[in-house]
Amino acid sequence: METQLLLRTAASRPLAAAAAGRLGRTPLLCQQQRRTKLTSNRMKRALNIPPHPDFITDPSRSQGDVVIFNPPASEPSVYHTPFKFLPKNDPRRRSNLAHLFASASSAPSPYAGGAAALSADSLPAVKVNTSRLVSEAEVREMREKRAADPNRWSVTALAREYDTTKTFVMLATGTSKMTDHKLEMREQLERVKERWGPKKIKAREDRDRRREMLFNGEL
């Protein structure tokens, strides 16, 4: 019996030595086993997060309506800062914010109680149309310039010259005499389109199709 054990031990020693030599030559990174979320079951278990306690309803109150107050995170406002956290020289202490933002039930007039009146400089600027009215003489002069040299006196140039809008210039100068100029501009556009490649042509067709869909209410 002892002879058999000795023979088995001697036979297994070369195999163990060879395996140890191979493990010694292999890098340490290959010897470490890592379990990743490459299978659907592991991914399911990783994403199986229990709900937050705020969203778990009480069984005793399951019969009635339950209101969960969980507002989203928002930027802090200066109007909600208590005076305790403001320095003594802060201007928000001197301003009467309580009367400005009081509700209608607590105060009949939100601007009562010595609220400072807003000045005209503190109000936001209102964008006003600065274009002036064009007289009939200027309209006739505009038409003459447009008919004499449409390349020089374009719609943009006339609108800048007479301080008016481009829409008014197009309405004032859009006569039947401009047919030749329109044909010339159309021919120039066709010459430009001849140099377009297939990608540019397809992009322009897609843009025209989207414009038609927008006008038809499909977008």
Protein backbone atom coordinates (compact mmCIF):
# COMPACT_ATOMS: atom_id res chain seq x y z
CA MET A 1 0.00 0.00 0.00
CA GLU A 2 2.76 2.40 0.89
CA THR A 3 4.56 1.53 -2.34
CA GLN A 4 1.51 2.52 -4.41
CA LEU A 5 1.25 5.88 -2.60
CA LEU A 6 4.91 6.62 -3.25
CA LEU A 7 4.52 5.80 -6.94
CA ARG A 8 1.46 8.04 -7.30
CA THR A 9 3.22 10.94 -5.60
CA ALA A 10 6.28 10.61 -7.81
CA ALA A 11 4.13 10.44 -10.95
CA SER A 12 2.14 13.58 -10.03
CA ARG A 13 5.19 15.73 -9.20
CA PRO A 14 6.28 16.42 -12.84
CA LEU A 15 2.74 17.52 -13.74
CA ALA A 16 2.54 19.84 -10.75
CA ALA A 17 5.95 21.31 -11.55
CA ALA A 18 4.95 21.94 -15.19
CA ALA A 19 1.68 23.57 -14.16
CA ALA A 20 3.52 25.76 -11.65
CA GLY A 21 5.99 26.82 -14.33
CA ARG A 22 3.19 27.79 -16.71
CA LEU A 23 1.39 29.78 -14.00
CA GLY A 24 4.62 31.57 -13.18
CA ARG A 25 5.06 32.64 -16.78
CA THR A 26 1.46 33.84 -17.24
CA PRO A 27 0.77 37.44 -16.21
CA LEU A 28 -1.05 38.18 -12.98
CA LEU A 29 -3.94 39.88 -14.82
CA CYS A 30 -4.94 36.62 -16.51
CA GLN A 31 -5.02 34.75 -13.18
CA GLN A 32 -7.67 37.07 -11.67
CA GLN A 33 -11.30 36.22 -12.40
CA ARG A 34 -13.64 39.15 -12.92
CA ARG A 35 -17.41 38.90 -13.08
CA THR A 36 -18.92 41.57 -15.31
CA LYS A 37 -22.50 42.33 -16.34
CA LEU A 38 -22.20 40.68 -19.74
CA THR A 39 -25.27 38.49 -19.33
CA SER A 40 -28.88 39.60 -19.11
CA ASN A 41 -29.43 37.99 -15.70
CA ARG A 42 -26.50 39.84 -14.11
CA MET A 43 -27.64 43.11 -15.66
CA LYS A 44 -31.19 42.51 -14.38
CA ARG A 45 -29.94 41.89 -10.86
CA ALA A 46 -27.73 45.00 -11.00
CA LEU A 47 -30.64 47.20 -12.12
CA ASN A 48 -33.09 45.74 -9.63
CA ILE A 49 -32.92 48.74 -7.29
CA PRO A 50 -35.53 48.86 -4.53
CA PRO A 51 -37.82 51.92 -4.53
CA HIS A 52 -37.15 54.89 -2.32
CA PRO A 53 -38.98 54.86 1.03
CA ASP A 54 -40.78 58.10 0.10
CA PHE A 55 -42.60 56.29 -2.72
CA ILE A 56 -43.73 53.32 -0.61
CA THR A 57 -47.30 53.88 0.57
CA ASP A 58 -48.42 52.99 4.04
CA PRO A 59 -50.74 49.92 4.02
CA SER A 60 -52.94 51.52 6.67
CA ARG A 61 -53.61 54.52 4.38
CA SER A 62 -53.99 52.60 1.14
CA GLN A 63 -57.74 53.28 0.96
CA GLY A 64 -57.40 57.07 0.71
CA ASP A 65 -55.42 59.36 -1.55
CA VAL A 66 -51.72 59.70 -0.81
CA VAL A 67 -49.77 62.85 -1.68
CA ILE A 68 -46.02 62.43 -2.17
CA PHE A 69 -44.07 65.66 -1.75
CA ASN A 70 -40.84 65.14 -3.63
CA PRO A 71 -40.07 68.36 -5.52
CA PRO A 72 -37.19 68.45 -8.01
CA ALA A 73 -33.95 70.20 -7.20
CA SER A 74 -34.05 73.87 -8.18
CA GLU A 75 -31.79 76.87 -8.04
CA PRO A 76 -32.05 78.76 -4.73
CA SER A 77 -33.77 82.13 -4.90
CA VAL A 78 -32.73 85.31 -3.10
CA TYR A 79 -36.34 85.93 -2.10
CA HIS A 80 -36.39 82.76 0.02
CA THR A 81 -33.23 83.58 1.99
CA PRO A 82 -34.06 84.18 5.65
CA PHE A 83 -32.78 87.42 7.19
CA LYS A 84 -30.89 85.35 9.76
CA PHE A 85 -28.41 84.25 7.08
CA LEU A 86 -27.96 87.74 5.59
CA PRO A 87 -25.33 90.18 6.84
CA LYS A 88 -26.49 93.36 8.53
CA ASN A 89 -25.36 95.57 5.67
CA ASP A 90 -27.16 93.49 3.00
CA PRO A 91 -29.52 95.66 0.88
CA ARG A 92 -32.13 92.90 0.91
CA ARG A 93 -32.72 93.64 4.58
CA ARG A 94 -33.71 97.23 3.81
CA SER A 95 -35.98 96.37 0.86
CA ASN A 96 -39.56 95.57 1.68
CA LEU A 97 -39.69 92.14 0.04
CA ALA A 98 -42.36 90.85 2.39
CA HIS A 99 -44.90 93.38 1.09
CA LEU A 100 -43.85 92.97 -2.54
CA PHE A 101 -44.37 89.20 -2.59
CA ALA A 102 -47.21 88.89 -0.07
CA SER A 103 -50.30 86.99 -1.12
CA ALA A 104 -53.61 88.70 -1.79
CA SER A 105 -55.21 87.04 1.23
CA SER A 106 -52.71 88.36 3.74
CA ALA A 107 -52.37 91.88 2.29
CA PRO A 108 -54.95 93.77 0.20
CA SER A 109 -52.26 95.61 -1.77
CA PRO A 110 -48.91 93.92 -2.50
CA TYR A 111 -47.24 97.31 -3.00
CA ALA A 112 -48.36 98.79 0.30
CA GLY A 113 -46.12 99.36 3.27
CA GLY A 114 -43.50 101.68 1.89
CA ALA A 115 -42.41 99.63 -1.13
CA ALA A 116 -39.94 101.46 -3.31
CA ALA A 117 -41.36 102.54 -6.66
CA LEU A 118 -39.67 101.19 -9.76
CA SER A 119 -37.90 103.75 -11.89
CA ALA A 120 -38.06 103.89 -15.67
CA ASP A 121 -34.37 103.00 -15.96
CA SER A 122 -34.84 99.73 -14.08
CA LEU A 123 -37.54 98.49 -16.46
CA PRO A 124 -36.47 96.30 -19.40
CA ALA A 125 -36.07 97.98 -22.74
CA VAL A 126 -38.92 97.48 -25.21
CA LYS A 127 -37.95 96.80 -28.80
CA VAL A 128 -39.63 99.44 -30.97
CA ASN A 129 -39.75 99.51 -34.75
CA THR A 130 -37.44 102.37 -35.70
CA SER A 131 -38.47 102.50 -39.37
CA ARG A 132 -40.05 105.79 -40.40
CA LEU A 133 -42.94 106.51 -42.76
CA VAL A 134 -41.96 106.90 -46.41
CA SER A 135 -43.62 109.64 -48.45
CA GLU A 136 -45.07 109.24 -51.94
CA ALA A 137 -42.17 111.16 -53.52
CA GLU A 138 -39.69 108.81 -51.89
CA VAL A 139 -41.68 105.80 -53.10
CA ARG A 140 -41.53 107.11 -56.70
CA GLU A 141 -37.80 107.75 -56.32
CA MET A 142 -37.37 104.26 -54.91
CA ARG A 143 -39.15 102.73 -57.90
CA GLU A 144 -37.03 104.76 -60.36
CA LYS A 145 -33.80 103.63 -58.74
CA ARG A 146 -34.93 100.04 -58.63
CA ALA A 147 -35.96 100.06 -62.29
CA ALA A 148 -32.80 101.87 -63.47
CA ASP A 149 -30.19 99.68 -61.72
CA PRO A 150 -31.67 96.72 -59.81
CA ASN A 151 -28.23 95.21 -59.15
CA ARG A 152 -26.98 98.29 -57.31
CA TRP A 153 -30.28 99.30 -55.67
CA SER A 154 -31.30 95.97 -54.25
CA VAL A 155 -34.02 95.50 -51.65
CA THR A 156 -31.49 95.62 -48.82
CA ALA A 157 -29.79 98.75 -50.20
CA LEU A 158 -33.10 100.60 -50.61
CA ALA A 159 -34.27 99.60 -47.13
CA ARG A 160 -31.02 100.93 -45.67
CA GLU A 161 -31.17 104.12 -47.80
CA TYR A 162 -34.74 105.10 -46.85
CA ASP A 163 -34.66 103.65 -43.31
CA THR A 164 -37.56 101.26 -43.82
CA THR A 165 -38.19 97.53 -43.87
CA LYS A 166 -37.43 95.10 -46.67
CA THR A 167 -41.07 94.04 -46.81
CA PHE A 168 -42.16 97.60 -47.59
CA VAL A 169 -39.51 97.91 -50.31
CA MET A 170 -40.67 94.69 -51.97
CA LEU A 171 -44.29 95.84 -51.86
CA ALA A 172 -43.45 99.29 -53.22
CA THR A 173 -41.13 98.22 -56.04
CA GLY A 174 -42.67 94.89 -57.02
CA THR A 175 -43.96 95.97 -60.44
CA SER A 176 -44.28 94.12 -63.74
CA LYS A 177 -41.21 95.96 -65.06
CA MET A 178 -39.00 93.81 -62.82
CA THR A 179 -39.77 90.67 -64.84
CA ASP A 180 -36.51 90.86 -66.80
CA HIS A 181 -34.49 91.24 -63.61
CA LYS A 182 -36.28 88.29 -62.05
CA LEU A 183 -35.55 86.17 -65.11
CA GLU A 184 -31.89 87.17 -64.95
CA MET A 185 -31.68 86.25 -61.27
CA ARG A 186 -33.37 82.93 -62.00
CA GLU A 187 -30.87 82.14 -64.76
CA GLN A 188 -28.01 83.02 -62.44
CA LEU A 189 -29.43 80.65 -59.84
CA GLU A 190 -29.71 77.87 -62.42
CA ARG A 191 -26.04 78.35 -63.35
CA VAL A 192 -25.14 78.02 -59.68
CA LYS A 193 -27.23 74.84 -59.36
CA GLU A 194 -25.36 73.25 -62.26
CA ARG A 195 -22.23 73.13 -60.10
CA TRP A 196 -23.99 71.34 -57.24
CA GLY A 197 -23.19 67.73 -56.43
CA PRO A 198 -25.66 64.95 -55.62
CA LYS A 199 -25.42 65.57 -51.86
CA LYS A 200 -26.22 69.28 -52.22
CA ILE A 201 -29.14 68.55 -54.53
CA LYS A 202 -30.57 65.96 -52.14
CA ALA A 203 -30.15 68.30 -49.16
CA ARG A 204 -31.95 71.11 -50.99
CA GLU A 205 -34.79 68.79 -52.00
CA ASP A 206 -35.16 67.63 -48.41
CA ARG A 207 -35.28 71.23 -47.21
CA ASP A 208 -37.99 72.12 -49.73
CA ARG A 209 -39.95 69.05 -48.69
CA ARG A 210 -39.71 70.02 -45.01
CA ARG A 211 -40.88 73.55 -45.83
CA GLU A 212 -43.96 72.21 -47.64
CA MET A 213 -44.72 69.88 -44.74
CA LEU A 214 -44.41 72.80 -42.31
CA PHE A 215 -46.81 74.94 -44.33
CA ASN A 216 -49.28 72.05 -44.56
CA GLY A 217 -49.17 71.49 -40.79
CA GLU A 218 -47.58 68.04 -41.06
CA LEU A 219 -44.65 68.94 -38.77
